[in-house]
C-alpha cells in the first residue's frame, strides 16, 4: 500500500491543511503498513518541500518544480497526478478549493469514483463522510484499485513536525511536465487582513442576520482583536450583503473547527451548523431562546447582542 498526498502551499509556505491530510494517511496505513509520499508541485518550492519532509509519517517528498505548476492550476496538476498515480493505491488532498478542483479531474481521468470529505478512516478501503449537511454520516467502501479521496481537515489532528534533529524524509525531483493548453493564469486578487485565516484560526467569532447590517459587524472587531480571532459570518448575513462571501462559515462556505467558536445573532440553520459544529467549545449569543444554535452550544447567552457585545469586550 502506498499513498500520495497533494501538498497545499500559499505564499511560499506549506499550508497547515497538509499536516491534517498526512494524519489521515497515517490512519490508512496504520494497520497494514505502507509508505506516505507528499507531492509538492509549483515553482520555486524547495523550502516548501523541506517543510513537507519534516512532517511525521512522510516517507518521501516528490517535487515537481516547474513554471507549469506555478499556480496549481487544475488542468496541469491533475495531469501530473494522473502520471504519478500508477505507483499508488490512494491519492489524498485536502477538501479545499484546490483539492476540490484537482482531484475530481484525476478521478475522471482514472475512471474511478472519488470519495469526498472523509472525516474518519475505518480501514484502507472504508471511510466515513458527512451527508445531508452533516446530519448523517455515511460509511463508504471503495473497490477501486486507486482510491481518490478529499479529506475534511477538521476531522483529523495535524501530524507533528519531526524537527530538524529527528531527520527528514527523502526529497526527490519529478521530471514530468504536464502540457497545459486548456487554461492560463491571469491574475489573483487577495484580501489582506491582519487577522488569522478563517479555516486555521484557534478562535472564530461569527455574526449572523441578527447583526442588522454590515456596519454593525464592527462590534465584533474589538472582541476579535483581544482574542486573536478570525471573523466569520452566516450565509444569511452574506446573502443580505452585510459582508463578503469569503467570510461565510457553513456547508457552502468555510468548514471550521476552532478551539472556541462564538456565534452572535446566528439562529443556527442546518447549513451553518454543518460548518462549525465540530468546534471544541461553542458559545452562542442570541435574543431568541428557541434558536437552534443553543442546541449545539456549550454556553448560551439569551441577550440583545447590541448590549452583550460591548459588555463582553469591556470584560476581556
Protein backbone atom coordinates (compact mmCIF):
# COMPACT_ATOMS: atom_id res chain seq x y z
CA UNK A 1 0.00 0.00 0.00
CA UNK A 2 1.27 3.45 -0.86
CA UNK A 3 -0.32 6.87 -0.55
CA UNK A 4 0.37 10.13 -2.35
CA UNK A 5 -0.69 13.35 -0.64
CA UNK A 6 -1.00 16.55 -2.66
CA UNK A 7 0.60 19.33 -0.63
CA UNK A 8 -1.05 22.72 -0.45
CA UNK A 9 1.03 25.85 -0.15
CA UNK A 10 0.41 29.57 -0.12
CA UNK A 11 2.82 32.49 -0.36
CA UNK A 12 5.85 30.26 -0.22
CA UNK A 13 4.80 28.33 2.89
CA UNK A 14 3.35 24.87 3.37
CA UNK A 15 -0.34 25.13 4.28
CA UNK A 16 -1.30 23.63 7.63
CA UNK A 17 -4.02 21.62 5.87
CA UNK A 18 -1.32 19.31 4.51
CA UNK A 19 -0.42 18.12 8.02
CA UNK A 20 -4.05 17.16 8.61
CA UNK A 21 -4.18 15.18 5.36
CA UNK A 22 -0.96 13.36 6.25
CA UNK A 23 -2.58 12.46 9.57
CA UNK A 24 -5.48 10.87 7.66
CA UNK A 25 -2.98 8.99 5.50
CA UNK A 26 -1.26 7.66 8.63
CA UNK A 27 -4.56 6.20 9.79
CA UNK A 28 -4.99 4.42 6.44
CA UNK A 29 -1.60 2.70 6.71
CA UNK A 30 -1.81 2.19 10.48
CA UNK A 31 -2.77 -1.49 10.48
CA UNK A 32 -1.34 -2.92 7.27
CA UNK A 33 1.61 -0.57 6.82
CA UNK A 34 2.71 1.33 3.77
CA UNK A 35 4.51 4.44 2.58
CA UNK A 36 3.24 8.01 2.53
CA UNK A 37 4.65 10.31 -0.14
CA UNK A 38 3.91 14.01 -0.45
CA UNK A 39 3.81 15.74 -3.81
CA UNK A 40 4.88 19.39 -3.83
CA UNK A 41 4.04 20.99 -7.17
CA UNK A 42 4.80 24.60 -8.01
CA UNK A 43 7.60 26.94 -8.99
CA UNK A 44 10.45 27.70 -6.59
CA UNK A 45 9.12 25.30 -3.95
CA UNK A 46 12.36 24.00 -2.40
CA UNK A 47 11.59 25.47 1.04
CA UNK A 48 8.06 24.07 0.92
CA UNK A 49 9.43 20.62 0.11
CA UNK A 50 11.77 20.82 3.10
CA UNK A 51 8.84 21.67 5.37
CA UNK A 52 6.84 18.74 3.98
CA UNK A 53 9.79 16.40 4.54
CA UNK A 54 9.70 17.17 8.27
CA UNK A 55 6.08 16.01 8.70
CA UNK A 56 5.88 12.92 10.86
CA UNK A 57 5.00 9.80 8.89
CA UNK A 58 6.15 11.05 5.49
CA UNK A 59 8.47 8.61 3.70
CA UNK A 60 9.35 10.70 0.66
CA UNK A 61 8.67 14.11 -0.83
CA UNK A 62 8.35 14.31 -4.60
CA UNK A 63 8.92 17.76 -6.06
CA UNK A 64 7.57 18.96 -9.39
CA UNK A 65 9.26 22.35 -9.65
CA UNK A 66 8.28 23.95 -12.94
CA UNK A 67 6.52 27.05 -14.23
CA UNK A 68 3.68 24.83 -15.49
CA UNK A 69 2.63 24.25 -11.87
CA UNK A 70 3.24 27.79 -10.63
CA UNK A 71 -0.34 28.47 -9.55
CA UNK A 72 -1.56 24.89 -9.06
CA UNK A 73 -3.99 25.24 -11.95
CA UNK A 74 -6.32 22.26 -12.01
CA UNK A 75 -5.51 21.01 -15.52
CA UNK A 76 -1.71 20.60 -15.28
CA UNK A 77 -1.85 19.47 -11.65
CA UNK A 78 -4.43 16.79 -12.47
CA UNK A 79 -2.35 15.68 -15.45
CA UNK A 80 0.70 15.40 -13.19
CA UNK A 81 -1.18 13.30 -10.63
CA UNK A 82 -2.54 11.15 -13.43
CA UNK A 83 1.02 10.35 -14.50
CA UNK A 84 2.16 9.53 -10.97
CA UNK A 85 -0.96 7.67 -9.81
CA UNK A 86 0.19 4.28 -11.14
CA UNK A 87 2.63 4.00 -8.22
CA UNK A 88 -0.07 4.39 -5.56
CA UNK A 89 -3.19 2.85 -4.05
CA UNK A 90 -4.52 6.12 -2.62
CA UNK A 91 -4.42 9.79 -3.69
CA UNK A 92 -5.31 12.28 -0.95
CA UNK A 93 -5.81 16.04 -0.83
CA UNK A 94 -7.50 18.50 1.49
CA UNK A 95 -11.15 19.24 0.80
CA UNK A 96 -10.20 22.81 -0.06
CA UNK A 97 -10.62 24.93 -3.15
CA UNK A 98 -7.51 23.30 -4.64
CA UNK A 99 -8.38 19.75 -3.68
CA UNK A 100 -11.96 20.05 -4.87
CA UNK A 101 -10.73 21.47 -8.17
CA UNK A 102 -7.99 18.95 -8.88
CA UNK A 103 -8.98 15.53 -7.54
CA UNK A 104 -12.33 15.12 -9.37
CA UNK A 105 -10.39 15.58 -12.61
CA UNK A 106 -7.93 12.88 -11.57
CA UNK A 107 -10.80 10.54 -10.66
CA UNK A 108 -12.34 11.13 -14.10
CA UNK A 109 -9.03 10.51 -15.87
CA UNK A 110 -8.61 7.26 -13.96
CA UNK A 111 -12.30 6.29 -14.30
CA UNK A 112 -12.74 5.77 -10.55
CA UNK A 113 -15.21 7.17 -8.03
CA UNK A 114 -13.97 9.95 -5.81
CA UNK A 115 -14.69 9.76 -2.08
CA UNK A 116 -15.27 13.30 -0.82
CA UNK A 117 -14.62 14.98 2.51
CA UNK A 118 -13.85 11.98 4.69
CA UNK A 119 -13.87 12.58 8.45
CA UNK A 120 -12.75 9.14 9.64
CA UNK A 121 -10.91 6.06 8.41
CA UNK A 122 -12.43 2.64 9.15
CA UNK A 123 -9.98 0.62 7.03
CA UNK A 124 -7.83 1.19 3.94
CA UNK A 125 -10.94 0.89 1.74
CA UNK A 126 -13.69 2.14 4.07
CA UNK A 127 -14.26 5.72 5.17
CA UNK A 128 -16.84 7.92 6.87
CA UNK A 129 -18.11 11.14 5.35
CA UNK A 130 -20.93 13.55 6.25
CA UNK A 131 -24.08 13.77 4.15
CA UNK A 132 -27.29 15.81 4.39
CA UNK A 133 -25.44 18.87 5.71
CA UNK A 134 -23.76 16.79 8.37
CA UNK A 135 -26.98 15.38 9.80
CA UNK A 136 -25.99 11.85 8.83
CA UNK A 137 -22.66 10.07 8.46
CA UNK A 138 -22.24 7.67 5.54
CA UNK A 139 -19.83 4.76 5.65
CA UNK A 140 -18.39 4.32 2.16
CA UNK A 141 -16.40 1.33 0.92
CA UNK A 142 -14.46 1.53 -2.33
CA UNK A 143 -13.47 -1.41 -4.51
CA UNK A 144 -11.45 0.76 -6.91
CA UNK A 145 -7.78 -0.13 -7.22
CA UNK A 146 -6.98 3.59 -6.88
CA UNK A 147 -8.84 5.49 -4.19
CA UNK A 148 -9.11 9.22 -4.84
CA UNK A 149 -10.03 11.00 -1.61
CA UNK A 150 -10.52 14.52 -0.33
CA UNK A 151 -10.10 14.97 3.42
CA UNK A 152 -12.09 17.29 5.64
CA UNK A 153 -9.17 18.60 7.66
CA UNK A 154 -11.26 19.37 10.75
CA UNK A 155 -11.77 15.62 11.17
CA UNK A 156 -8.08 14.86 11.77
CA UNK A 157 -5.49 16.36 14.08
CA UNK A 158 -2.42 17.77 12.37
CA UNK A 159 0.55 15.42 12.38
CA UNK A 160 3.56 16.80 14.26
CA UNK A 161 6.70 18.27 12.73
CA UNK A 162 9.68 15.98 13.32
CA UNK A 163 12.02 18.94 13.51
CA UNK A 164 15.47 19.15 12.01
CA UNK A 165 17.13 16.94 14.65
CA UNK A 166 14.89 13.91 14.09
CA UNK A 167 15.68 13.69 10.41
CA UNK A 168 13.61 14.41 7.34
CA UNK A 169 12.10 12.35 4.57
CA UNK A 170 13.96 11.96 1.31
CA UNK A 171 13.29 14.64 -1.30
CA UNK A 172 13.42 13.77 -4.98
CA UNK A 173 12.61 15.61 -8.17
CA UNK A 174 9.79 14.69 -10.54
CA UNK A 175 10.61 15.27 -14.20
CA UNK A 176 7.03 15.11 -15.51
CA UNK A 177 5.98 18.40 -17.12
CA UNK A 178 2.29 18.49 -17.98
CA UNK A 179 1.23 20.10 -21.22
CA UNK A 180 -1.46 22.66 -20.47
CA UNK A 181 -3.24 24.23 -23.41
CA UNK A 182 -6.58 24.50 -21.62
CA UNK A 183 -6.05 27.19 -19.02
CA UNK A 184 -3.93 30.26 -18.40
CA UNK A 185 -3.33 32.08 -15.16
CA UNK A 186 -4.35 35.73 -15.48
CA UNK A 187 -4.30 37.27 -12.02
CA UNK A 188 -5.37 36.84 -8.44
CA UNK A 189 -6.78 39.36 -6.01
CA UNK A 190 -6.07 38.58 -2.38
CA UNK A 191 -7.90 40.11 0.54
CA UNK A 192 -5.35 41.44 3.03
CA UNK A 193 -6.05 41.09 6.72
CA UNK A 194 -4.07 41.12 9.92
CA UNK A 195 -6.43 38.53 11.37
CA UNK A 196 -5.86 34.76 11.30
CA UNK A 197 -7.12 32.83 8.29
CA UNK A 198 -10.67 31.68 8.97
CA UNK A 199 -10.07 27.97 8.38
CA UNK A 200 -6.97 27.82 10.59
CA UNK A 201 -7.86 30.20 13.45
CA UNK A 202 -7.92 28.96 17.06
CA UNK A 203 -10.80 31.31 17.83
CA UNK A 204 -13.59 32.38 15.48
CA UNK A 205 -16.35 34.90 16.17
CA UNK A 206 -19.15 34.98 13.60
CA UNK A 207 -22.10 37.26 13.06
CA UNK A 208 -25.46 36.44 11.54
CA UNK A 209 -28.52 38.21 10.23
CA UNK A 210 -29.15 39.44 13.77
CA UNK A 211 -26.27 41.89 13.33
CA UNK A 212 -28.73 44.03 11.36
CA UNK A 213 -26.29 45.41 8.79
CA UNK A 214 -22.67 45.33 7.72
CA UNK A 215 -21.75 48.37 9.77
CA UNK A 216 -22.67 46.52 12.97
CA UNK A 217 -20.09 43.84 12.22
CA UNK A 218 -17.57 46.36 13.57
CA UNK A 219 -18.91 45.40 17.01
CA UNK A 220 -17.05 42.12 16.59
CA UNK A 221 -13.69 43.77 15.87
CA UNK A 222 -12.75 44.65 19.43
CA UNK A 223 -13.52 41.17 20.75
CA UNK A 224 -11.69 39.58 17.82
CA UNK A 225 -8.64 41.76 18.48
CA UNK A 226 -8.49 40.79 22.15
CA UNK A 227 -8.96 37.07 21.46
CA UNK A 228 -6.78 36.92 18.35
CA UNK A 229 -9.82 35.64 16.49
CA UNK A 230 -10.88 35.41 12.89
CA UNK A 231 -14.26 36.89 11.96
CA UNK A 232 -16.83 34.84 10.08
CA UNK A 233 -20.47 35.13 9.11
CA UNK A 234 -23.52 33.03 8.43
CA UNK A 235 -24.88 32.55 4.93
CA UNK A 236 -27.86 34.73 5.85
CA UNK A 237 -25.52 37.62 6.64
CA UNK A 238 -23.59 37.08 3.41
CA UNK A 239 -26.75 36.81 1.29
CA UNK A 240 -28.02 40.02 2.88
CA UNK A 241 -24.88 41.79 1.69
CA UNK A 242 -23.55 42.53 5.18
CA UNK A 243 -20.11 41.01 4.48
CA UNK A 244 -18.25 39.39 1.55
CA UNK A 245 -18.76 35.69 0.87
CA UNK A 246 -15.18 34.76 1.80
CA UNK A 247 -16.28 35.21 5.42
CA UNK A 248 -19.04 32.62 5.17
CA UNK A 249 -18.96 29.68 7.56
CA UNK A 250 -21.12 26.69 6.71
CA UNK A 251 -21.78 23.89 4.30
CA UNK A 252 -21.30 26.16 1.28
CA UNK A 253 -18.61 28.26 2.94
CA UNK A 254 -15.65 27.50 5.18
CA UNK A 255 -15.65 24.43 7.41
CA UNK A 256 -14.06 25.40 10.73
CA UNK A 257 -13.30 23.61 13.98
CA UNK A 258 -11.55 26.13 16.25
CA UNK A 259 -10.94 25.73 19.95
CA UNK A 260 -13.56 28.44 20.54
CA UNK A 261 -16.43 29.46 18.26
CA UNK A 262 -18.63 32.42 19.21
CA UNK A 263 -21.90 32.71 17.28
CA UNK A 264 -23.50 36.14 17.53
CA UNK A 265 -27.00 36.75 16.19
CA UNK A 266 -26.96 33.42 14.37
CA UNK A 267 -30.11 31.31 14.55
CA UNK A 268 -28.35 28.04 13.74
CA UNK A 269 -29.62 26.86 10.37
CA UNK A 270 -28.53 23.36 9.34
CA UNK A 271 -26.20 24.75 6.67
CA UNK A 272 -24.33 26.84 9.25
CA UNK A 273 -24.13 24.10 11.87
CA UNK A 274 -22.55 21.78 9.29
CA UNK A 275 -19.61 24.18 9.07
CA UNK A 276 -18.85 24.74 12.75
CA UNK A 277 -20.39 22.07 14.98
CA UNK A 278 -17.03 20.29 15.39
CA UNK A 279 -15.64 23.31 17.26
CA UNK A 280 -14.23 22.39 20.67
CA UNK A 281 -16.27 24.98 22.58
CA UNK A 282 -19.29 26.81 21.13
CA UNK A 283 -20.70 29.98 22.67
CA UNK A 284 -23.98 31.39 21.34
CA UNK A 285 -25.41 34.87 21.87
CA UNK A 286 -28.98 35.32 20.65
CA UNK A 287 -32.07 37.06 21.96
CA UNK A 288 -34.30 34.18 20.82
CA UNK A 289 -34.08 31.46 23.45
CA UNK A 290 -35.63 28.99 20.98
CA UNK A 291 -32.89 29.48 18.38
CA UNK A 292 -31.49 26.12 17.18
CA UNK A 293 -27.92 27.32 17.80
CA UNK A 294 -28.45 26.74 21.53
CA UNK A 295 -28.90 23.00 20.90
CA UNK A 296 -25.23 22.65 19.90
CA UNK A 297 -23.80 25.40 22.12
CA UNK A 298 -21.74 24.59 25.21
CA UNK A 299 -22.58 28.01 26.61
CA UNK A 300 -25.54 30.16 25.67
CA UNK A 301 -26.46 33.74 26.46
CA UNK A 302 -30.01 34.91 25.77
CA UNK A 303 -29.47 38.62 25.38
CA UNK A 304 -29.57 41.56 23.00
CA UNK A 305 -26.26 41.39 21.15
CA UNK A 306 -26.02 45.18 20.99
CA UNK A 307 -25.82 45.22 24.78
CA UNK A 308 -23.91 41.98 25.26
CA UNK A 309 -21.04 42.64 22.84
CA UNK A 310 -19.83 45.95 24.34
CA UNK A 311 -20.05 44.44 27.81
CA UNK A 312 -18.14 41.33 26.74
CA UNK A 313 -15.43 43.42 25.11
CA UNK A 314 -15.11 45.52 28.25
CA UNK A 315 -14.59 42.45 30.43
CA UNK A 316 -11.93 40.81 28.24
